[in-house]
């Protein structure tokens, strides 16, 4: 059974930082591209960052230079470092295994102005 468990969300002031983590089990983690997505109230879910099995990264324009994705294949985790947070970054953040229908349960990030 594939499981993804996100952690690390919370409430932070604008300009602050958070680190999200996603622990994955039940799948050969190292061969999959992993992604972080987010969904704000009333909006569609959008891609935030992706990291391939070889470590290549891709970011949404809105987060380039502020967010950083990293993976640890030994621990089966993928992290998202969020810096210089803005109120518009407020959303539920989800971890996903690309090429599958597997999503985590989400973790709330709230940025106050």
N, C-alpha and C. Protein backbone atom coordinates (compact mmCIF):
# COMPACT_ATOMS: atom_id res chain seq x y z
N UNK A 1 0.84 -1.19 0.00
CA UNK A 1 0.00 0.00 0.00
C UNK A 1 0.89 1.25 0.00
N UNK A 2 0.66 2.10 -0.98
CA UNK A 2 1.45 3.32 -1.09
C UNK A 2 0.92 4.37 -0.11
N UNK A 3 1.84 4.99 0.63
CA UNK A 3 1.44 6.05 1.55
C UNK A 3 2.37 7.24 1.40
N UNK A 4 1.79 8.43 1.46
CA UNK A 4 2.55 9.68 1.47
C UNK A 4 2.04 10.48 2.66
N UNK A 5 2.95 10.90 3.51
CA UNK A 5 2.57 11.64 4.71
C UNK A 5 3.35 12.94 4.75
N UNK A 6 2.61 14.05 4.63
CA UNK A 6 3.24 15.37 4.67
C UNK A 6 3.27 15.90 6.10
N UNK A 7 4.25 16.73 6.37
CA UNK A 7 4.35 17.40 7.66
C UNK A 7 5.08 18.72 7.48
N UNK A 8 4.99 19.57 8.52
CA UNK A 8 5.77 20.80 8.52
C UNK A 8 5.01 22.07 8.22
N UNK A 9 3.73 21.97 7.92
CA UNK A 9 2.97 23.19 7.67
C UNK A 9 2.74 23.98 8.94
N UNK A 10 2.15 25.17 8.79
CA UNK A 10 1.87 25.99 9.95
C UNK A 10 1.55 27.41 9.57
N UNK A 11 1.53 28.25 10.58
CA UNK A 11 1.26 29.68 10.41
C UNK A 11 2.56 30.46 10.54
N UNK A 12 2.82 31.33 9.58
CA UNK A 12 4.06 32.10 9.59
C UNK A 12 3.77 33.50 9.06
N UNK A 13 4.55 34.46 9.51
CA UNK A 13 4.41 35.82 9.00
C UNK A 13 5.06 35.96 7.64
N UNK A 14 4.59 36.91 6.87
CA UNK A 14 5.19 37.20 5.57
C UNK A 14 6.69 37.44 5.74
N UNK A 15 7.45 36.87 4.82
CA UNK A 15 8.90 36.96 4.90
C UNK A 15 9.55 35.81 5.64
N UNK A 16 8.74 35.01 6.30
CA UNK A 16 9.26 33.88 7.07
C UNK A 16 9.50 32.65 6.23
N UNK A 17 9.87 31.56 6.91
CA UNK A 17 10.23 30.32 6.24
C UNK A 17 9.55 29.13 6.89
N UNK A 18 9.35 28.10 6.11
CA UNK A 18 8.86 26.82 6.59
C UNK A 18 9.56 25.72 5.78
N UNK A 19 9.60 24.53 6.37
CA UNK A 19 10.12 23.38 5.64
C UNK A 19 9.09 22.27 5.71
N UNK A 20 8.62 21.84 4.55
CA UNK A 20 7.67 20.75 4.46
C UNK A 20 8.41 19.47 4.15
N UNK A 21 7.90 18.37 4.67
CA UNK A 21 8.50 17.08 4.40
C UNK A 21 7.42 16.08 4.03
N UNK A 22 7.75 15.18 3.11
CA UNK A 22 6.83 14.13 2.68
C UNK A 22 7.55 12.81 2.80
N UNK A 23 7.03 11.92 3.62
CA UNK A 23 7.58 10.58 3.79
C UNK A 23 6.76 9.60 2.95
N UNK A 24 7.45 8.82 2.14
CA UNK A 24 6.79 7.92 1.19
C UNK A 24 7.12 6.47 1.53
N UNK A 25 6.14 5.61 1.45
CA UNK A 25 6.36 4.19 1.68
C UNK A 25 5.52 3.37 0.71
N UNK A 26 5.91 2.10 0.53
CA UNK A 26 5.14 1.19 -0.29
C UNK A 26 5.41 1.26 -1.77
N UNK A 27 6.48 1.94 -2.16
CA UNK A 27 6.79 2.09 -3.57
C UNK A 27 8.29 2.24 -3.72
N UNK A 28 8.83 1.93 -4.90
CA UNK A 28 10.26 2.09 -5.14
C UNK A 28 10.55 3.57 -5.38
N UNK A 29 10.67 4.28 -4.29
CA UNK A 29 10.72 5.74 -4.29
C UNK A 29 11.75 6.30 -5.27
N UNK A 30 12.93 5.72 -5.31
CA UNK A 30 14.03 6.34 -6.02
C UNK A 30 13.82 6.44 -7.52
N UNK A 31 12.90 5.69 -8.10
CA UNK A 31 12.75 5.71 -9.55
C UNK A 31 11.70 6.70 -10.02
N UNK A 32 10.97 7.32 -9.08
CA UNK A 32 9.88 8.20 -9.44
C UNK A 32 10.23 9.68 -9.31
N UNK A 33 9.70 10.47 -10.24
CA UNK A 33 9.70 11.91 -10.07
C UNK A 33 8.67 12.27 -9.01
N UNK A 34 9.07 13.16 -8.11
CA UNK A 34 8.19 13.58 -7.02
C UNK A 34 7.83 15.05 -7.21
N UNK A 35 6.65 15.41 -6.71
CA UNK A 35 6.22 16.79 -6.87
C UNK A 35 5.52 17.32 -5.64
N UNK A 36 5.59 18.61 -5.47
CA UNK A 36 4.79 19.33 -4.49
C UNK A 36 3.80 20.21 -5.25
N UNK A 37 2.55 20.17 -4.81
CA UNK A 37 1.48 20.95 -5.41
C UNK A 37 0.79 21.72 -4.28
N UNK A 38 0.01 22.70 -4.65
CA UNK A 38 -0.75 23.43 -3.65
C UNK A 38 -2.12 23.82 -4.18
N UNK A 39 -3.04 23.99 -3.25
CA UNK A 39 -4.40 24.40 -3.62
C UNK A 39 -4.90 25.42 -2.61
N UNK A 40 -5.16 26.61 -3.11
CA UNK A 40 -5.74 27.67 -2.28
C UNK A 40 -7.26 27.59 -2.37
N UNK A 41 -7.96 28.14 -1.39
CA UNK A 41 -9.43 28.09 -1.41
C UNK A 41 -10.01 28.68 -2.69
N UNK A 42 -10.90 27.93 -3.33
CA UNK A 42 -11.55 28.41 -4.54
C UNK A 42 -10.70 28.36 -5.79
N UNK A 43 -9.50 27.80 -5.68
CA UNK A 43 -8.61 27.75 -6.83
C UNK A 43 -8.25 26.31 -7.18
N UNK A 44 -7.74 26.12 -8.40
CA UNK A 44 -7.33 24.78 -8.81
C UNK A 44 -5.98 24.44 -8.19
N UNK A 45 -5.76 23.15 -8.05
CA UNK A 45 -4.46 22.69 -7.56
C UNK A 45 -3.42 22.99 -8.62
N UNK A 46 -2.25 23.48 -8.17
CA UNK A 46 -1.19 23.85 -9.09
C UNK A 46 0.14 23.25 -8.67
N UNK A 47 0.97 23.02 -9.68
CA UNK A 47 2.30 22.49 -9.42
C UNK A 47 3.17 23.58 -8.80
N UNK A 48 3.91 23.23 -7.79
CA UNK A 48 4.85 24.15 -7.15
C UNK A 48 6.29 23.80 -7.53
N UNK A 49 6.65 22.52 -7.38
CA UNK A 49 8.01 22.09 -7.66
C UNK A 49 8.01 20.59 -7.94
N UNK A 50 8.99 20.18 -8.76
CA UNK A 50 9.16 18.76 -9.06
C UNK A 50 10.63 18.42 -9.00
N UNK A 51 10.92 17.17 -8.67
CA UNK A 51 12.30 16.70 -8.69
C UNK A 51 12.32 15.30 -9.28
N UNK A 52 13.16 15.09 -10.28
CA UNK A 52 13.22 13.81 -10.95
C UNK A 52 14.04 12.81 -10.15
N UNK A 53 14.05 11.56 -10.62
CA UNK A 53 14.84 10.54 -9.95
C UNK A 53 16.32 10.89 -9.99
N UNK A 54 16.73 11.63 -10.99
CA UNK A 54 18.13 12.03 -11.09
C UNK A 54 18.46 13.35 -10.43
N UNK A 55 17.46 13.95 -9.80
CA UNK A 55 17.70 15.18 -9.06
C UNK A 55 17.46 16.47 -9.84
N UNK A 56 16.94 16.36 -11.06
CA UNK A 56 16.64 17.56 -11.82
C UNK A 56 15.37 18.20 -11.26
N UNK A 57 15.37 19.52 -11.16
CA UNK A 57 14.27 20.23 -10.52
C UNK A 57 13.55 21.17 -11.50
N UNK A 58 12.30 21.43 -11.18
CA UNK A 58 11.47 22.33 -11.96
C UNK A 58 10.56 23.07 -11.00
N UNK A 59 10.41 24.39 -11.21
CA UNK A 59 9.62 25.20 -10.29
C UNK A 59 8.59 26.05 -11.03
N UNK A 60 7.49 26.30 -10.37
CA UNK A 60 6.55 27.28 -10.88
C UNK A 60 7.21 28.66 -10.84
N UNK A 61 6.88 29.49 -11.81
CA UNK A 61 7.49 30.82 -11.87
C UNK A 61 7.26 31.60 -10.59
N UNK A 62 6.12 31.40 -9.98
CA UNK A 62 5.75 32.18 -8.79
C UNK A 62 6.61 31.87 -7.57
N UNK A 63 7.33 30.76 -7.59
CA UNK A 63 8.13 30.38 -6.42
C UNK A 63 9.63 30.29 -6.71
N UNK A 64 10.02 30.50 -7.96
CA UNK A 64 11.44 30.41 -8.30
C UNK A 64 12.26 31.39 -7.48
N UNK A 65 13.37 30.90 -6.96
CA UNK A 65 14.24 31.73 -6.15
C UNK A 65 13.83 31.81 -4.69
N UNK A 66 12.64 31.32 -4.36
CA UNK A 66 12.17 31.34 -2.96
C UNK A 66 12.00 29.95 -2.37
N UNK A 67 11.58 29.00 -3.19
CA UNK A 67 11.34 27.63 -2.73
C UNK A 67 12.42 26.71 -3.28
N UNK A 68 12.68 25.63 -2.55
CA UNK A 68 13.68 24.67 -2.98
C UNK A 68 13.21 23.26 -2.65
N UNK A 69 13.25 22.37 -3.63
CA UNK A 69 12.84 20.99 -3.43
C UNK A 69 14.08 20.10 -3.36
N UNK A 70 14.03 19.10 -2.50
CA UNK A 70 15.15 18.16 -2.36
C UNK A 70 14.60 16.79 -1.98
N UNK A 71 15.35 15.77 -2.34
CA UNK A 71 14.91 14.41 -2.01
C UNK A 71 16.05 13.65 -1.34
N UNK A 72 15.67 12.69 -0.51
CA UNK A 72 16.62 11.80 0.13
C UNK A 72 16.17 10.38 -0.17
N UNK A 73 16.84 9.74 -1.13
CA UNK A 73 16.42 8.41 -1.55
C UNK A 73 16.69 7.34 -0.48
N UNK A 74 17.59 7.62 0.42
CA UNK A 74 17.87 6.68 1.51
C UNK A 74 16.73 6.68 2.54
N UNK A 75 16.10 7.83 2.70
CA UNK A 75 15.04 7.96 3.70
C UNK A 75 13.65 7.96 3.07
N UNK A 76 13.58 7.93 1.74
CA UNK A 76 12.29 7.99 1.03
C UNK A 76 11.50 9.24 1.40
N UNK A 77 12.20 10.37 1.37
CA UNK A 77 11.54 11.63 1.69
C UNK A 77 11.81 12.67 0.60
N UNK A 78 10.87 13.58 0.47
CA UNK A 78 11.06 14.74 -0.40
C UNK A 78 10.61 15.96 0.39
N UNK A 79 11.49 16.94 0.46
CA UNK A 79 11.26 18.14 1.25
C UNK A 79 11.06 19.35 0.36
N UNK A 80 10.35 20.32 0.89
CA UNK A 80 10.17 21.59 0.21
C UNK A 80 10.50 22.71 1.19
N UNK A 81 11.56 23.45 0.91
CA UNK A 81 11.95 24.59 1.73
C UNK A 81 11.26 25.83 1.16
N UNK A 82 10.50 26.52 2.01
CA UNK A 82 9.76 27.69 1.60
C UNK A 82 10.37 28.91 2.30
N UNK A 83 10.96 29.80 1.54
CA UNK A 83 11.56 31.02 2.07
C UNK A 83 10.84 32.24 1.52
N UNK A 84 11.04 33.36 2.19
CA UNK A 84 10.46 34.63 1.75
C UNK A 84 8.96 34.48 1.44
N UNK A 85 8.26 33.87 2.36
CA UNK A 85 6.86 33.55 2.13
C UNK A 85 6.00 34.80 2.01
N UNK A 86 4.99 34.69 1.16
CA UNK A 86 4.05 35.77 0.90
C UNK A 86 2.64 35.29 1.25
N UNK A 87 1.74 36.21 1.54
CA UNK A 87 0.36 35.80 1.84
C UNK A 87 -0.26 34.96 0.71
N UNK A 88 0.12 35.22 -0.52
CA UNK A 88 -0.44 34.45 -1.64
C UNK A 88 0.10 33.02 -1.71
N UNK A 89 1.05 32.68 -0.87
CA UNK A 89 1.52 31.29 -0.77
C UNK A 89 0.60 30.45 0.13
N UNK A 90 -0.35 31.09 0.77
CA UNK A 90 -1.28 30.37 1.64
C UNK A 90 -2.07 29.34 0.85
N UNK A 91 -2.01 28.09 1.28
CA UNK A 91 -2.67 26.99 0.57
C UNK A 91 -2.46 25.70 1.35
N UNK A 92 -3.15 24.67 0.91
CA UNK A 92 -2.84 23.32 1.36
C UNK A 92 -1.81 22.76 0.39
N UNK A 93 -0.71 22.27 0.92
CA UNK A 93 0.38 21.75 0.10
C UNK A 93 0.33 20.22 0.11
N UNK A 94 0.43 19.65 -1.09
CA UNK A 94 0.33 18.21 -1.27
C UNK A 94 1.59 17.66 -1.92
N UNK A 95 1.92 16.46 -1.53
CA UNK A 95 3.01 15.71 -2.12
C UNK A 95 2.41 14.70 -3.10
N UNK A 96 3.09 14.48 -4.23
CA UNK A 96 2.56 13.55 -5.24
C UNK A 96 3.68 12.75 -5.85
N UNK A 97 3.37 11.52 -6.18
CA UNK A 97 4.25 10.66 -6.97
C UNK A 97 3.80 10.80 -8.42
N UNK A 98 4.62 11.42 -9.24
CA UNK A 98 4.21 11.64 -10.63
C UNK A 98 4.10 10.32 -11.38
N UNK A 99 3.11 10.26 -12.28
CA UNK A 99 2.87 9.05 -13.03
C UNK A 99 1.97 8.07 -12.31
N UNK A 100 1.50 8.46 -11.13
CA UNK A 100 0.57 7.63 -10.36
C UNK A 100 -0.57 8.52 -9.87
N UNK A 101 -1.54 7.91 -9.25
CA UNK A 101 -2.65 8.67 -8.67
C UNK A 101 -2.47 8.88 -7.18
N UNK A 102 -1.24 8.66 -6.70
CA UNK A 102 -0.99 8.73 -5.26
C UNK A 102 -0.67 10.15 -4.80
N UNK A 103 -1.48 10.63 -3.86
CA UNK A 103 -1.31 11.94 -3.23
C UNK A 103 -1.23 11.78 -1.72
N UNK A 104 -0.59 12.74 -1.08
CA UNK A 104 -0.65 12.80 0.37
C UNK A 104 -1.94 13.47 0.81
N UNK A 105 -2.10 13.59 2.14
CA UNK A 105 -3.32 14.17 2.68
C UNK A 105 -3.28 15.69 2.72
N UNK A 106 -2.11 16.26 2.55
CA UNK A 106 -1.95 17.70 2.53
C UNK A 106 -1.56 18.28 3.87
N UNK A 107 -0.88 19.41 3.83
CA UNK A 107 -0.51 20.14 5.03
C UNK A 107 -0.77 21.62 4.78
N UNK A 108 -1.39 22.27 5.74
CA UNK A 108 -1.80 23.67 5.58
C UNK A 108 -0.63 24.62 5.84
N UNK A 109 -0.44 25.55 4.91
CA UNK A 109 0.51 26.65 5.09
C UNK A 109 -0.28 27.95 5.05
N UNK A 110 -0.16 28.73 6.10
CA UNK A 110 -0.86 30.01 6.18
C UNK A 110 0.17 31.11 6.43
N UNK A 111 0.16 32.11 5.56
CA UNK A 111 1.11 33.22 5.67
C UNK A 111 0.32 34.49 5.96
N UNK A 112 0.60 35.08 7.09
CA UNK A 112 -0.10 36.30 7.48
C UNK A 112 0.69 37.53 7.03
N UNK A 113 -0.04 38.59 6.73
CA UNK A 113 0.61 39.82 6.24
C UNK A 113 0.95 40.76 7.38
